[in-house]
């Protein structure tokens, strides 16, 4: 994630991730959280839109 590497906070839409295998998608979020930690925030697209208001 280039944004994190450049020092920016990054938001990932949890309901926007797709995979042909549900297990792969479910495994992705914990890996992202462990790898990037605090600079990456996970939320639904509805939560993202609410924050923009």
C-alpha atoms as a PDB file:
ATOM      1  CA  UNK A   1       0.000   0.000   0.000  1.00  0.00           C
ATOM      2  CA  UNK A   2       1.784   3.005  -1.282  1.00  0.00           C
ATOM      3  CA  UNK A   3      -0.162   5.447   0.889  1.00  0.00           C
ATOM      4  CA  UNK A   4       0.994   3.766   4.086  1.00  0.00           C
ATOM      5  CA  UNK A   5       4.567   3.653   2.790  1.00  0.00           C
ATOM      6  CA  UNK A   6       4.362   7.410   2.217  1.00  0.00           C
ATOM      7  CA  UNK A   7       3.037   8.081   5.719  1.00  0.00           C
ATOM      8  CA  UNK A   8      -0.669   8.519   4.942  1.00  0.00           C
ATOM      9  CA  UNK A   9      -3.576   6.904   6.733  1.00  0.00           C
ATOM     10  CA  UNK A  10      -5.490   4.474   4.530  1.00  0.00           C
ATOM     11  CA  UNK A  11      -9.094   3.302   4.821  1.00  0.00           C
ATOM     12  CA  UNK A  12     -10.128  -0.106   3.490  1.00  0.00           C
ATOM     13  CA  UNK A  13     -13.805  -0.801   2.792  1.00  0.00           C
ATOM     14  CA  UNK A  14     -14.416  -4.201   4.356  1.00  0.00           C
ATOM     15  CA  UNK A  15     -17.559  -4.780   2.330  1.00  0.00           C
ATOM     16  CA  UNK A  16     -15.766  -3.783  -0.861  1.00  0.00           C
ATOM     17  CA  UNK A  17     -13.292  -6.673  -0.819  1.00  0.00           C
ATOM     18  CA  UNK A  18     -14.133  -9.603  -3.035  1.00  0.00           C
ATOM     19  CA  UNK A  19     -12.574 -12.940  -3.816  1.00  0.00           C
ATOM     20  CA  UNK A  20     -13.691 -16.040  -5.608  1.00  0.00           C
ATOM     21  CA  UNK A  21     -13.087 -17.801  -2.294  1.00  0.00           C
ATOM     22  CA  UNK A  22     -14.693 -16.397   0.839  1.00  0.00           C
ATOM     23  CA  UNK A  23     -11.923 -17.813   3.002  1.00  0.00           C
ATOM     24  CA  UNK A  24      -9.319 -15.788   1.113  1.00  0.00           C
ATOM     25  CA  UNK A  25     -11.266 -12.576   1.642  1.00  0.00           C
ATOM     26  CA  UNK A  26     -11.818 -13.362   5.316  1.00  0.00           C
ATOM     27  CA  UNK A  27      -8.095 -14.022   5.778  1.00  0.00           C
ATOM     28  CA  UNK A  28      -7.082 -10.787   4.029  1.00  0.00           C
ATOM     29  CA  UNK A  29      -8.332  -8.290   6.636  1.00  0.00           C
ATOM     30  CA  UNK A  30      -6.453  -9.742   9.620  1.00  0.00           C
ATOM     31  CA  UNK A  31      -3.307  -9.883   7.471  1.00  0.00           C
ATOM     32  CA  UNK A  32      -3.686  -6.231   6.465  1.00  0.00           C
ATOM     33  CA  UNK A  33      -4.253  -5.217  10.096  1.00  0.00           C
ATOM     34  CA  UNK A  34      -1.199  -7.172  11.286  1.00  0.00           C
ATOM     35  CA  UNK A  35       1.061  -5.967   8.463  1.00  0.00           C
ATOM     36  CA  UNK A  36       0.152  -2.284   8.467  1.00  0.00           C
ATOM     37  CA  UNK A  37      -1.378  -1.729  11.912  1.00  0.00           C
ATOM     38  CA  UNK A  38      -2.496   1.746  12.951  1.00  0.00           C
ATOM     39  CA  UNK A  39      -2.203   3.628   9.606  1.00  0.00           C
ATOM     40  CA  UNK A  40      -4.817   1.313   8.043  1.00  0.00           C
ATOM     41  CA  UNK A  41      -8.389   1.707   9.194  1.00  0.00           C
ATOM     42  CA  UNK A  42     -11.055  -0.784   8.172  1.00  0.00           C
ATOM     43  CA  UNK A  43     -14.726   0.134   7.916  1.00  0.00           C
ATOM     44  CA  UNK A  44     -17.768  -0.434   5.744  1.00  0.00           C
ATOM     45  CA  UNK A  45     -18.540   1.810   2.799  1.00  0.00           C
ATOM     46  CA  UNK A  46     -21.543   3.187   4.728  1.00  0.00           C
ATOM     47  CA  UNK A  47     -19.227   4.217   7.591  1.00  0.00           C
ATOM     48  CA  UNK A  48     -16.894   5.910   5.096  1.00  0.00           C
ATOM     49  CA  UNK A  49     -19.769   7.863   3.571  1.00  0.00           C
ATOM     50  CA  UNK A  50     -21.068   8.880   7.014  1.00  0.00           C
ATOM     51  CA  UNK A  51     -17.671  10.329   7.891  1.00  0.00           C
ATOM     52  CA  UNK A  52     -17.671  12.459   4.753  1.00  0.00           C
ATOM     53  CA  UNK A  53     -20.889  14.194   5.795  1.00  0.00           C
END
